[in-house]
Amino acid sequence: MNQEPLLGGVTDRLTALPKTTFRDTSAVEILEKDLRSIENEFHRYDGFMTFVKILIEENNFVAAEKVIRISSDFSENDRGELLGKLGLQFALNGQKVIGMEKLEEASNLLLTLQIDEWGWAQAERLVEIAKHYIVLDETLLAITVLDEAALICKKVLQISIELNDPQNSHDSVSVLGDAGRVFARLGKTNRANQIADSVPHGMWRNFYLSVLEGRIDVLP
């Protein structure tokens, strides 16, 4: 492994490393130290996000969870997202009880955050957790989390409209549309339609319906 600090192009440098690197305890410690030495906060953040995701993919759960919990570069939204990914991977690797605990912790963390005009980011991560539950055949839990995500988005949309903030309004409706699509996929079209009824008439309701029906693909 190249022992030079991971400076420019940190994400590319990490993804180019042999995957075995992320299962080697000493190599992982060196990488973590190198990442902490990066002064540019955006490069460092991108590096840590990539680092943790690869650790999870390579089933190095201990190292991944350590970084998720202690990294000062992560917001609580980030921790919720990454704990959700960790929980899914635990469950897919025969440790469903632990995985479900991590998923519950992730959703609870996101639900305790204060809701403001950027709250759609919490909801977006909750929708992803719902998708993790669907992969694990936990449909009822998925629906519960989706309901929470939709509720947050509706509140955020109202805040954003009052603040005349079109970007956050757009993002809120985008996440609502994604939640609606997941509801529809689960056969809960009534919930998807109820969301439509709750969106203010006019531009934003039409935008939601476009996302729901797949005429606009704004999220993965």
C-alpha atoms as a PDB file:
ATOM      1  CA  MET A   1       0.000   0.000   0.000  1.00  0.00           C
ATOM      2  CA  ASN A   2       1.203   3.473  -0.794  1.00  0.00           C
ATOM      3  CA  GLN A   3       2.186   5.060   2.509  1.00  0.00           C
ATOM      4  CA  GLU A   4       1.889   8.640   1.242  1.00  0.00           C
ATOM      5  CA  PRO A   5      -0.899  10.662   2.866  1.00  0.00           C
ATOM      6  CA  LEU A   6      -4.215  10.578   1.014  1.00  0.00           C
ATOM      7  CA  LEU A   7      -4.412  14.167  -0.188  1.00  0.00           C
ATOM      8  CA  GLY A   8      -5.835  15.191  -3.585  1.00  0.00           C
ATOM      9  CA  GLY A   9      -8.263  12.791  -5.244  1.00  0.00           C
ATOM     10  CA  VAL A  10      -8.864  11.009  -1.961  1.00  0.00           C
ATOM     11  CA  THR A  11     -11.983   9.134  -3.095  1.00  0.00           C
ATOM     12  CA  ASP A  12     -10.266   7.859  -6.243  1.00  0.00           C
ATOM     13  CA  ARG A  13      -7.231   6.856  -4.217  1.00  0.00           C
ATOM     14  CA  LEU A  14      -9.368   4.854  -1.799  1.00  0.00           C
ATOM     15  CA  THR A  15     -11.440   3.087  -4.440  1.00  0.00           C
ATOM     16  CA  ALA A  16      -8.270   2.159  -6.338  1.00  0.00           C
ATOM     17  CA  LEU A  17      -6.802   0.284  -3.368  1.00  0.00           C
ATOM     18  CA  PRO A  18      -7.093  -3.534  -3.258  1.00  0.00           C
ATOM     19  CA  LYS A  19     -10.226  -4.497  -1.335  1.00  0.00           C
ATOM     20  CA  THR A  20      -8.105  -6.659   0.966  1.00  0.00           C
ATOM     21  CA  THR A  21      -6.634  -3.414   2.328  1.00  0.00           C
ATOM     22  CA  PHE A  22      -9.912  -2.700   4.099  1.00  0.00           C
ATOM     23  CA  ARG A  23      -9.844  -6.045   5.885  1.00  0.00           C
ATOM     24  CA  ASP A  24      -6.309  -5.529   7.192  1.00  0.00           C
ATOM     25  CA  THR A  25      -6.335  -3.998  10.678  1.00  0.00           C
ATOM     26  CA  SER A  26      -2.996  -2.204  10.425  1.00  0.00           C
ATOM     27  CA  ALA A  27      -3.708  -0.931   6.899  1.00  0.00           C
ATOM     28  CA  VAL A  28      -7.100   0.420   8.024  1.00  0.00           C
ATOM     29  CA  GLU A  29      -5.472   2.231  10.938  1.00  0.00           C
ATOM     30  CA  ILE A  30      -2.967   3.866   8.574  1.00  0.00           C
ATOM     31  CA  LEU A  31      -5.731   4.931   6.202  1.00  0.00           C
ATOM     32  CA  GLU A  32      -7.766   6.426   9.031  1.00  0.00           C
ATOM     33  CA  LYS A  33      -4.727   8.365  10.240  1.00  0.00           C
ATOM     34  CA  ASP A  34      -4.039   9.614   6.701  1.00  0.00           C
ATOM     35  CA  LEU A  35      -7.629  10.752   6.308  1.00  0.00           C
ATOM     36  CA  ARG A  36      -7.474  12.707   9.554  1.00  0.00           C
ATOM     37  CA  SER A  37      -4.385  14.523   8.278  1.00  0.00           C
ATOM     38  CA  ILE A  38      -6.254  16.045   5.317  1.00  0.00           C
ATOM     39  CA  GLU A  39      -6.739  19.751   5.989  1.00  0.00           C
ATOM     40  CA  ASN A  40      -9.397  20.431   3.353  1.00  0.00           C
ATOM     41  CA  GLU A  41     -12.646  19.609   5.161  1.00  0.00           C
ATOM     42  CA  PHE A  42     -14.544  18.729   1.982  1.00  0.00           C
ATOM     43  CA  HIS A  43     -11.866  16.299   0.788  1.00  0.00           C
ATOM     44  CA  ARG A  44     -11.629  14.829   4.276  1.00  0.00           C
ATOM     45  CA  TYR A  45     -15.403  14.398   4.494  1.00  0.00           C
ATOM     46  CA  ASP A  46     -15.614  12.737   1.076  1.00  0.00           C
ATOM     47  CA  GLY A  47     -12.725  10.497   2.066  1.00  0.00           C
ATOM     48  CA  PHE A  48     -14.324   9.363   5.300  1.00  0.00           C
ATOM     49  CA  MET A  49     -17.680   8.711   3.619  1.00  0.00           C
ATOM     50  CA  THR A  50     -15.996   6.582   0.966  1.00  0.00           C
ATOM     51  CA  PHE A  51     -13.798   4.883   3.577  1.00  0.00           C
ATOM     52  CA  VAL A  52     -16.740   3.818   5.753  1.00  0.00           C
ATOM     53  CA  LYS A  53     -18.831   2.626   2.811  1.00  0.00           C
ATOM     54  CA  ILE A  54     -15.989   0.411   1.582  1.00  0.00           C
ATOM     55  CA  LEU A  55     -15.402  -0.917   5.107  1.00  0.00           C
ATOM     56  CA  ILE A  56     -19.085  -1.881   5.262  1.00  0.00           C
ATOM     57  CA  GLU A  57     -18.973  -3.492   1.810  1.00  0.00           C
ATOM     58  CA  GLU A  58     -15.921  -5.501   2.872  1.00  0.00           C
ATOM     59  CA  ASN A  59     -17.685  -6.592   6.069  1.00  0.00           C
ATOM     60  CA  ASN A  60     -15.197  -4.875   8.377  1.00  0.00           C
ATOM     61  CA  PHE A  61     -18.024  -3.925  10.692  1.00  0.00           C
ATOM     62  CA  VAL A  62     -15.919  -3.143  13.756  1.00  0.00           C
ATOM     63  CA  ALA A  63     -13.764  -0.564  11.956  1.00  0.00           C
ATOM     64  CA  ALA A  64     -16.755   0.916  10.124  1.00  0.00           C
ATOM     65  CA  GLU A  65     -18.812   1.398  13.272  1.00  0.00           C
ATOM     66  CA  LYS A  66     -15.877   2.944  15.114  1.00  0.00           C
ATOM     67  CA  VAL A  67     -15.439   5.614  12.440  1.00  0.00           C
ATOM     68  CA  ILE A  68     -19.188   6.234  12.159  1.00  0.00           C
ATOM     69  CA  ARG A  69     -19.435   6.937  15.866  1.00  0.00           C
ATOM     70  CA  ILE A  70     -16.302   9.007  16.460  1.00  0.00           C
ATOM     71  CA  SER A  71     -15.690  10.955  13.254  1.00  0.00           C
ATOM     72  CA  SER A  72     -16.270  14.659  13.857  1.00  0.00           C
ATOM     73  CA  ASP A  73     -16.675  15.117  10.087  1.00  0.00           C
ATOM     74  CA  PHE A  74     -20.061  13.368  10.089  1.00  0.00           C
ATOM     75  CA  SER A  75     -23.348  15.060  10.841  1.00  0.00           C
ATOM     76  CA  GLU A  76     -26.086  13.171  12.681  1.00  0.00           C
ATOM     77  CA  ASN A  77     -27.774  12.737   9.289  1.00  0.00           C
ATOM     78  CA  ASP A  78     -24.597  11.051   8.033  1.00  0.00           C
ATOM     79  CA  ARG A  79     -24.454   8.792  11.080  1.00  0.00           C
ATOM     80  CA  GLY A  80     -28.070   7.769  10.519  1.00  0.00           C
ATOM     81  CA  GLU A  81     -27.380   6.968   6.873  1.00  0.00           C
ATOM     82  CA  LEU A  82     -24.226   4.983   7.597  1.00  0.00           C
ATOM     83  CA  LEU A  83     -25.692   3.083  10.550  1.00  0.00           C
ATOM     84  CA  GLY A  84     -28.534   2.087   8.244  1.00  0.00           C
ATOM     85  CA  LYS A  85     -26.099   0.758   5.642  1.00  0.00           C
ATOM     86  CA  LEU A  86     -24.187  -1.046   8.379  1.00  0.00           C
ATOM     87  CA  GLY A  87     -27.371  -2.612   9.729  1.00  0.00           C
ATOM     88  CA  LEU A  88     -28.400  -3.886   6.313  1.00  0.00           C
ATOM     89  CA  GLN A  89     -25.004  -5.441   5.713  1.00  0.00           C
ATOM     90  CA  PHE A  90     -25.015  -7.095   9.137  1.00  0.00           C
ATOM     91  CA  ALA A  91     -28.407  -8.630   8.363  1.00  0.00           C
ATOM     92  CA  LEU A  92     -27.388  -9.787   4.883  1.00  0.00           C
ATOM     93  CA  ASN A  93     -24.402 -11.537   6.423  1.00  0.00           C
ATOM     94  CA  GLY A  94     -26.375 -13.750   8.769  1.00  0.00           C
ATOM     95  CA  GLN A  95     -26.530 -11.368  11.742  1.00  0.00           C
ATOM     96  CA  LYS A  96     -30.076 -10.119  11.364  1.00  0.00           C
ATOM     97  CA  VAL A  97     -30.696  -9.418  15.047  1.00  0.00           C
ATOM     98  CA  ILE A  98     -27.715  -7.064  15.210  1.00  0.00           C
ATOM     99  CA  GLY A  99     -28.624  -5.611  11.832  1.00  0.00           C
ATOM    100  CA  MET A 100     -32.160  -4.833  12.935  1.00  0.00           C
ATOM    101  CA  GLU A 101     -30.814  -3.157  16.067  1.00  0.00           C
ATOM    102  CA  LYS A 102     -28.595  -0.900  13.950  1.00  0.00           C
ATOM    103  CA  LEU A 103     -31.468  -0.040  11.613  1.00  0.00           C
ATOM    104  CA  GLU A 104     -33.689   0.838  14.558  1.00  0.00           C
ATOM    105  CA  GLU A 105     -30.936   2.975  16.060  1.00  0.00           C
ATOM    106  CA  ALA A 106     -30.442   4.732  12.717  1.00  0.00           C
ATOM    107  CA  SER A 107     -34.120   5.570  12.276  1.00  0.00           C
ATOM    108  CA  ASN A 108     -34.476   6.684  15.918  1.00  0.00           C
ATOM    109  CA  LEU A 109     -31.444   8.943  15.548  1.00  0.00           C
ATOM    110  CA  LEU A 110     -32.893  10.615  12.474  1.00  0.00           C
ATOM    111  CA  LEU A 111     -36.291  11.034  14.101  1.00  0.00           C
ATOM    112  CA  THR A 112     -34.819  12.862  17.104  1.00  0.00           C
ATOM    113  CA  LEU A 113     -33.240  15.601  14.994  1.00  0.00           C
ATOM    114  CA  GLN A 114     -34.790  19.039  14.946  1.00  0.00           C
ATOM    115  CA  ILE A 115     -36.851  19.671  11.828  1.00  0.00           C
ATOM    116  CA  ASP A 116     -35.979  22.787   9.833  1.00  0.00           C
ATOM    117  CA  GLU A 117     -36.067  23.751   6.152  1.00  0.00           C
ATOM    118  CA  TRP A 118     -33.341  21.186   5.449  1.00  0.00           C
ATOM    119  CA  GLY A 119     -35.231  18.420   7.195  1.00  0.00           C
ATOM    120  CA  TRP A 120     -35.860  16.728   3.855  1.00  0.00           C
ATOM    121  CA  ALA A 121     -32.319  15.310   4.269  1.00  0.00           C
ATOM    122  CA  GLN A 122     -33.504  13.408   7.365  1.00  0.00           C
ATOM    123  CA  ALA A 123     -36.513  12.145   5.453  1.00  0.00           C
ATOM    124  CA  GLU A 124     -34.378  11.103   2.486  1.00  0.00           C
ATOM    125  CA  ARG A 125     -32.286   8.892   4.760  1.00  0.00           C
ATOM    126  CA  LEU A 126     -35.404   7.473   6.396  1.00  0.00           C
ATOM    127  CA  VAL A 127     -36.697   6.465   2.966  1.00  0.00           C
ATOM    128  CA  GLU A 128     -33.398   4.652   2.387  1.00  0.00           C
ATOM    129  CA  ILE A 129     -33.796   2.833   5.700  1.00  0.00           C
ATOM    130  CA  ALA A 130     -37.300   1.821   4.620  1.00  0.00           C
ATOM    131  CA  LYS A 131     -35.777   0.361   1.458  1.00  0.00           C
ATOM    132  CA  HIS A 132     -33.311  -1.591   3.625  1.00  0.00           C
ATOM    133  CA  TYR A 133     -36.256  -3.022   5.578  1.00  0.00           C
ATOM    134  CA  ILE A 134     -37.905  -4.063   2.313  1.00  0.00           C
ATOM    135  CA  VAL A 135     -34.750  -5.954   1.278  1.00  0.00           C
ATOM    136  CA  LEU A 136     -34.991  -7.804   4.600  1.00  0.00           C
ATOM    137  CA  ASP A 137     -38.729  -8.571   4.102  1.00  0.00           C
ATOM    138  CA  GLU A 138     -39.696  -6.301   6.989  1.00  0.00           C
ATOM    139  CA  THR A 139     -42.559  -4.593   5.189  1.00  0.00           C
ATOM    140  CA  LEU A 140     -44.447  -3.323   8.236  1.00  0.00           C
ATOM    141  CA  LEU A 141     -41.341  -1.591   9.571  1.00  0.00           C
ATOM    142  CA  ALA A 142     -40.706  -0.140   6.129  1.00  0.00           C
ATOM    143  CA  ILE A 143     -44.208   1.346   6.029  1.00  0.00           C
ATOM    144  CA  THR A 144     -43.816   2.819   9.521  1.00  0.00           C
ATOM    145  CA  VAL A 145     -40.545   4.526   8.566  1.00  0.00           C
ATOM    146  CA  LEU A 146     -41.994   5.754   5.270  1.00  0.00           C
ATOM    147  CA  ASP A 147     -44.918   7.320   7.137  1.00  0.00           C
ATOM    148  CA  GLU A 148     -42.449   9.177   9.376  1.00  0.00           C
ATOM    149  CA  ALA A 149     -40.418  10.324   6.370  1.00  0.00           C
ATOM    150  CA  ALA A 150     -43.525  11.634   4.614  1.00  0.00           C
ATOM    151  CA  LEU A 151     -44.655  13.474   7.749  1.00  0.00           C
ATOM    152  CA  ILE A 152     -41.265  15.203   8.062  1.00  0.00           C
ATOM    153  CA  CYS A 153     -41.295  16.188   4.392  1.00  0.00           C
ATOM    154  CA  LYS A 154     -44.751  17.706   4.649  1.00  0.00           C
ATOM    155  CA  LYS A 155     -43.618  19.818   7.605  1.00  0.00           C
ATOM    156  CA  VAL A 156     -40.463  20.877   5.780  1.00  0.00           C
ATOM    157  CA  LEU A 157     -42.424  21.735   2.649  1.00  0.00           C
ATOM    158  CA  GLN A 158     -44.713  23.982   4.672  1.00  0.00           C
ATOM    159  CA  ILE A 159     -41.717  25.696   6.296  1.00  0.00           C
ATOM    160  CA  SER A 160     -40.019  26.156   2.919  1.00  0.00           C
ATOM    161  CA  ILE A 161     -43.125  27.599   1.290  1.00  0.00           C
ATOM    162  CA  GLU A 162     -43.523  30.059   4.166  1.00  0.00           C
ATOM    163  CA  LEU A 163     -39.855  31.062   3.748  1.00  0.00           C
ATOM    164  CA  ASN A 164     -40.316  31.334  -0.037  1.00  0.00           C
ATOM    165  CA  ASP A 165     -37.486  28.832  -0.467  1.00  0.00           C
ATOM    166  CA  PRO A 166     -37.997  27.076  -3.827  1.00  0.00           C
ATOM    167  CA  GLN A 167     -34.899  24.864  -3.569  1.00  0.00           C
ATOM    168  CA  ASN A 168     -35.846  23.261  -0.258  1.00  0.00           C
ATOM    169  CA  SER A 169     -39.455  23.035  -1.433  1.00  0.00           C
ATOM    170  CA  HIS A 170     -38.229  21.192  -4.525  1.00  0.00           C
ATOM    171  CA  ASP A 171     -36.068  18.844  -2.458  1.00  0.00           C
ATOM    172  CA  SER A 172     -38.908  18.130  -0.032  1.00  0.00           C
ATOM    173  CA  VAL A 173     -41.309  17.224  -2.818  1.00  0.00           C
ATOM    174  CA  SER A 174     -38.602  15.109  -4.471  1.00  0.00           C
ATOM    175  CA  VAL A 175     -38.242  13.025  -1.310  1.00  0.00           C
ATOM    176  CA  LEU A 176     -42.024  12.847  -0.954  1.00  0.00           C
ATOM    177  CA  GLY A 177     -42.156  11.509  -4.499  1.00  0.00           C
ATOM    178  CA  ASP A 178     -39.593   8.841  -3.696  1.00  0.00           C
ATOM    179  CA  ALA A 179     -41.542   7.830  -0.584  1.00  0.00           C
ATOM    180  CA  GLY A 180     -44.712   7.697  -2.680  1.00  0.00           C
ATOM    181  CA  ARG A 181     -43.039   5.422  -5.221  1.00  0.00           C
ATOM    182  CA  VAL A 182     -41.958   3.041  -2.461  1.00  0.00           C
ATOM    183  CA  PHE A 183     -45.488   3.013  -1.039  1.00  0.00           C
ATOM    184  CA  ALA A 184     -46.831   2.201  -4.504  1.00  0.00           C
ATOM    185  CA  ARG A 185     -44.253  -0.571  -4.908  1.00  0.00           C
ATOM    186  CA  LEU A 186     -45.547  -2.084  -1.671  1.00  0.00           C
ATOM    187  CA  GLY A 187     -49.103  -1.947  -2.960  1.00  0.00           C
ATOM    188  CA  LYS A 188     -50.004   0.979  -0.696  1.00  0.00           C
ATOM    189  CA  THR A 189     -51.262   3.266  -3.442  1.00  0.00           C
ATOM    190  CA  ASN A 190     -53.746   4.808  -0.998  1.00  0.00           C
ATOM    191  CA  ARG A 191     -50.860   6.220   1.030  1.00  0.00           C
ATOM    192  CA  ALA A 192     -49.160   7.540  -2.105  1.00  0.00           C
ATOM    193  CA  ASN A 193     -52.409   9.249  -3.110  1.00  0.00           C
ATOM    194  CA  GLN A 194     -52.914  10.665   0.384  1.00  0.00           C
ATOM    195  CA  ILE A 195     -49.511  12.324   0.101  1.00  0.00           C
ATOM    196  CA  ALA A 196     -50.602  13.889  -3.185  1.00  0.00           C
ATOM    197  CA  ASP A 197     -53.718  15.287  -1.488  1.00  0.00           C
ATOM    198  CA  SER A 198     -51.552  16.859   1.230  1.00  0.00           C
ATOM    199  CA  VAL A 199     -49.250  18.683  -1.207  1.00  0.00           C
ATOM    200  CA  PRO A 200     -50.390  22.233  -2.005  1.00  0.00           C
ATOM    201  CA  HIS A 201     -52.243  22.429  -5.306  1.00  0.00           C
ATOM    202  CA  GLY A 202     -50.483  23.760  -8.344  1.00  0.00           C
ATOM    203  CA  MET A 203     -46.818  23.431  -9.193  1.00  0.00           C
ATOM    204  CA  TRP A 204     -45.685  21.340  -6.227  1.00  0.00           C
ATOM    205  CA  ARG A 205     -48.528  18.845  -6.421  1.00  0.00           C
ATOM    206  CA  ASN A 206     -47.946  18.379 -10.140  1.00  0.00           C
ATOM    207  CA  PHE A 207     -44.242  17.919  -9.478  1.00  0.00           C
ATOM    208  CA  TYR A 208     -44.971  15.251  -6.848  1.00  0.00           C
ATOM    209  CA  LEU A 209     -47.271  13.397  -9.256  1.00  0.00           C
ATOM    210  CA  SER A 210     -44.595  13.557 -11.971  1.00  0.00           C
ATOM    211  CA  VAL A 211     -42.054  11.991  -9.617  1.00  0.00           C
ATOM    212  CA  LEU A 212     -44.552   9.407  -8.388  1.00  0.00           C
ATOM    213  CA  GLU A 213     -45.480   8.349 -11.894  1.00  0.00           C
ATOM    214  CA  GLY A 214     -41.854   8.190 -13.015  1.00  0.00           C
ATOM    215  CA  ARG A 215     -42.150  11.065 -15.493  1.00  0.00           C
ATOM    216  CA  ILE A 216     -39.378  12.834 -13.571  1.00  0.00           C
ATOM    217  CA  ASP A 217     -36.564  10.791 -12.044  1.00  0.00           C
ATOM    218  CA  VAL A 218     -34.995  13.036  -9.430  1.00  0.00           C
ATOM    219  CA  LEU A 219     -33.661  10.430  -7.007  1.00  0.00           C
ATOM    220  CA  PRO A 220     -31.859   7.096  -7.423  1.00  0.00           C
END
